[in-house]
Amino acid sequence: MTEHKFKIGQLVHFHPKGAGWPQVDAAPGPYQITKRLPAAEDGEYQYEIRNTLEEYNRIARESDLTRM
């Protein structure tokens, strides 16, 4: 198994994709990695992310994130 690509505190762009994602109303701008989560059943790592324009954290798959 590889390691997480992103570090806690790192700023990233959130680009949700996949089934059901067209309905996601994600705030624009950078998101900060707040927590590294274990890999999903398919082996892809997940992260807890936060945008200052939102009052809650989101869960994002590593493939939905890009470096700033």
N, C-alpha and C. Protein backbone atom coordinates (compact mmCIF):
# COMPACT_ATOMS: atom_id res chain seq x y z
N MET A 1 0.83 -1.17 0.00
CA MET A 1 0.00 0.00 0.00
C MET A 1 0.89 1.24 0.00
N THR A 2 0.52 2.24 -0.78
CA THR A 2 1.29 3.47 -0.83
C THR A 2 0.90 4.35 0.35
N GLU A 3 1.53 5.50 0.43
CA GLU A 3 1.23 6.43 1.52
C GLU A 3 0.30 7.54 1.04
N HIS A 4 -0.27 8.26 1.99
CA HIS A 4 -1.11 9.40 1.65
C HIS A 4 -0.31 10.39 0.81
N LYS A 5 -0.97 10.99 -0.16
CA LYS A 5 -0.34 11.96 -1.06
C LYS A 5 -0.27 13.35 -0.44
N PHE A 6 -1.24 13.68 0.42
CA PHE A 6 -1.34 15.02 1.00
C PHE A 6 -1.09 14.99 2.50
N LYS A 7 -0.63 16.13 3.03
CA LYS A 7 -0.31 16.25 4.44
C LYS A 7 -1.37 17.09 5.16
N ILE A 8 -1.51 16.87 6.46
CA ILE A 8 -2.42 17.68 7.27
C ILE A 8 -1.94 19.14 7.21
N GLY A 9 -2.89 20.04 6.99
CA GLY A 9 -2.58 21.46 6.88
C GLY A 9 -2.35 21.94 5.46
N GLN A 10 -2.14 21.02 4.54
CA GLN A 10 -1.88 21.38 3.15
C GLN A 10 -3.16 21.91 2.49
N LEU A 11 -3.01 22.92 1.62
CA LEU A 11 -4.13 23.47 0.87
C LEU A 11 -4.26 22.73 -0.47
N VAL A 12 -5.49 22.40 -0.83
CA VAL A 12 -5.75 21.65 -2.06
C VAL A 12 -6.98 22.21 -2.76
N HIS A 13 -7.14 21.84 -4.02
CA HIS A 13 -8.37 22.11 -4.77
C HIS A 13 -9.22 20.86 -4.67
N PHE A 14 -10.54 21.04 -4.51
CA PHE A 14 -11.48 19.93 -4.41
C PHE A 14 -12.28 19.87 -5.71
N HIS A 15 -12.16 18.75 -6.43
CA HIS A 15 -12.84 18.53 -7.70
C HIS A 15 -13.63 17.23 -7.61
N PRO A 16 -14.81 17.25 -6.99
CA PRO A 16 -15.57 16.01 -6.85
C PRO A 16 -16.00 15.46 -8.21
N LYS A 17 -15.92 14.14 -8.33
CA LYS A 17 -16.34 13.49 -9.57
C LYS A 17 -16.92 12.13 -9.24
N GLY A 18 -17.52 11.50 -10.20
CA GLY A 18 -18.09 10.18 -9.98
C GLY A 18 -19.59 10.23 -9.84
N ALA A 19 -20.19 9.11 -9.59
CA ALA A 19 -21.64 8.99 -9.49
C ALA A 19 -22.19 9.88 -8.38
N GLY A 20 -23.19 10.67 -8.70
CA GLY A 20 -23.83 11.52 -7.71
C GLY A 20 -23.15 12.86 -7.47
N TRP A 21 -21.96 13.06 -7.98
CA TRP A 21 -21.22 14.29 -7.69
C TRP A 21 -21.75 15.53 -8.40
N PRO A 22 -22.44 15.43 -9.54
CA PRO A 22 -22.91 16.69 -10.14
C PRO A 22 -23.81 17.48 -9.19
N GLN A 23 -24.41 16.82 -8.21
CA GLN A 23 -25.29 17.51 -7.27
C GLN A 23 -24.53 18.15 -6.11
N VAL A 24 -23.24 17.90 -6.00
CA VAL A 24 -22.46 18.45 -4.88
C VAL A 24 -22.30 19.96 -5.06
N ASP A 25 -22.67 20.70 -4.05
CA ASP A 25 -22.54 22.15 -4.07
C ASP A 25 -21.35 22.51 -3.19
N ALA A 26 -20.16 22.40 -3.76
CA ALA A 26 -18.93 22.65 -3.01
C ALA A 26 -18.55 24.12 -3.12
N ALA A 27 -18.11 24.69 -2.03
CA ALA A 27 -17.66 26.08 -2.02
C ALA A 27 -16.42 26.22 -2.89
N PRO A 28 -16.29 27.37 -3.56
CA PRO A 28 -15.09 27.60 -4.38
C PRO A 28 -13.89 27.90 -3.49
N GLY A 29 -12.73 27.83 -4.07
CA GLY A 29 -11.52 28.20 -3.36
C GLY A 29 -10.82 27.02 -2.73
N PRO A 30 -9.77 27.31 -2.00
CA PRO A 30 -8.95 26.23 -1.43
C PRO A 30 -9.61 25.53 -0.25
N TYR A 31 -9.24 24.29 -0.10
CA TYR A 31 -9.64 23.48 1.06
C TYR A 31 -8.36 23.09 1.78
N GLN A 32 -8.47 22.97 3.09
CA GLN A 32 -7.32 22.55 3.90
C GLN A 32 -7.54 21.12 4.37
N ILE A 33 -6.50 20.30 4.28
CA ILE A 33 -6.56 18.94 4.80
C ILE A 33 -6.55 19.04 6.33
N THR A 34 -7.60 18.52 6.97
CA THR A 34 -7.67 18.56 8.43
C THR A 34 -7.39 17.21 9.06
N LYS A 35 -7.54 16.14 8.29
CA LYS A 35 -7.32 14.81 8.85
C LYS A 35 -7.10 13.81 7.71
N ARG A 36 -6.18 12.89 7.92
CA ARG A 36 -5.99 11.77 6.99
C ARG A 36 -6.86 10.62 7.46
N LEU A 37 -7.56 10.01 6.54
CA LEU A 37 -8.44 8.89 6.88
C LEU A 37 -7.92 7.61 6.25
N PRO A 38 -8.34 6.46 6.75
CA PRO A 38 -7.91 5.19 6.16
C PRO A 38 -8.40 5.06 4.73
N ALA A 39 -7.82 4.13 4.03
CA ALA A 39 -8.23 3.86 2.66
C ALA A 39 -9.64 3.29 2.63
N ALA A 40 -10.37 3.60 1.56
CA ALA A 40 -11.69 3.03 1.34
C ALA A 40 -11.53 1.56 0.94
N GLU A 41 -12.64 0.88 0.75
CA GLU A 41 -12.58 -0.55 0.39
C GLU A 41 -11.80 -0.79 -0.90
N ASP A 42 -11.81 0.19 -1.80
CA ASP A 42 -11.08 0.03 -3.06
C ASP A 42 -9.61 0.39 -2.94
N GLY A 43 -9.17 0.78 -1.75
CA GLY A 43 -7.76 1.07 -1.51
C GLY A 43 -7.38 2.54 -1.65
N GLU A 44 -8.33 3.38 -2.07
CA GLU A 44 -8.02 4.81 -2.25
C GLU A 44 -8.13 5.52 -0.91
N TYR A 45 -7.11 6.34 -0.60
CA TYR A 45 -7.12 7.11 0.64
C TYR A 45 -8.19 8.19 0.61
N GLN A 46 -8.66 8.56 1.81
CA GLN A 46 -9.65 9.61 1.96
C GLN A 46 -9.12 10.63 2.96
N TYR A 47 -9.68 11.83 2.88
CA TYR A 47 -9.26 12.92 3.73
C TYR A 47 -10.48 13.68 4.24
N GLU A 48 -10.31 14.30 5.40
CA GLU A 48 -11.28 15.26 5.88
C GLU A 48 -10.73 16.62 5.46
N ILE A 49 -11.57 17.42 4.79
CA ILE A 49 -11.13 18.72 4.29
C ILE A 49 -12.06 19.81 4.78
N ARG A 50 -11.57 21.04 4.76
CA ARG A 50 -12.36 22.17 5.27
C ARG A 50 -12.11 23.40 4.41
N ASN A 51 -13.20 24.10 4.09
CA ASN A 51 -13.14 25.38 3.39
C ASN A 51 -13.66 26.43 4.37
N THR A 52 -13.00 27.57 4.44
CA THR A 52 -13.39 28.59 5.41
C THR A 52 -14.78 29.17 5.14
N LEU A 53 -15.32 28.95 3.93
CA LEU A 53 -16.65 29.45 3.59
C LEU A 53 -17.77 28.51 4.04
N GLU A 54 -17.40 27.34 4.53
CA GLU A 54 -18.39 26.35 4.96
C GLU A 54 -18.28 26.12 6.47
N GLU A 55 -19.38 25.74 7.09
CA GLU A 55 -19.41 25.53 8.54
C GLU A 55 -19.15 24.09 8.93
N TYR A 56 -18.76 23.26 8.00
CA TYR A 56 -18.58 21.83 8.26
C TYR A 56 -17.41 21.30 7.45
N ASN A 57 -16.93 20.15 7.84
CA ASN A 57 -15.87 19.47 7.09
C ASN A 57 -16.49 18.52 6.08
N ARG A 58 -15.73 18.21 5.06
CA ARG A 58 -16.15 17.25 4.03
C ARG A 58 -15.19 16.07 4.04
N ILE A 59 -15.65 14.97 3.50
CA ILE A 59 -14.78 13.81 3.26
C ILE A 59 -14.53 13.75 1.76
N ALA A 60 -13.27 13.65 1.37
CA ALA A 60 -12.91 13.61 -0.03
C ALA A 60 -11.96 12.46 -0.32
N ARG A 61 -12.14 11.87 -1.48
CA ARG A 61 -11.21 10.83 -1.94
C ARG A 61 -9.96 11.51 -2.50
N GLU A 62 -8.84 10.83 -2.44
CA GLU A 62 -7.58 11.41 -2.91
C GLU A 62 -7.68 11.83 -4.38
N SER A 63 -8.42 11.08 -5.20
CA SER A 63 -8.53 11.40 -6.62
C SER A 63 -9.37 12.66 -6.87
N ASP A 64 -10.09 13.15 -5.84
CA ASP A 64 -10.89 14.37 -5.97
C ASP A 64 -10.10 15.61 -5.59
N LEU A 65 -8.84 15.45 -5.22
CA LEU A 65 -8.01 16.55 -4.74
C LEU A 65 -6.80 16.76 -5.64
N THR A 66 -6.42 18.04 -5.81
CA THR A 66 -5.18 18.36 -6.51
C THR A 66 -4.42 19.39 -5.69
N ARG A 67 -3.12 19.38 -5.85
CA ARG A 67 -2.25 20.32 -5.12
C ARG A 67 -2.52 21.75 -5.59
N MET A 68 -2.27 22.68 -4.68
CA MET A 68 -2.39 24.11 -5.04
C MET A 68 -1.05 24.62 -5.49
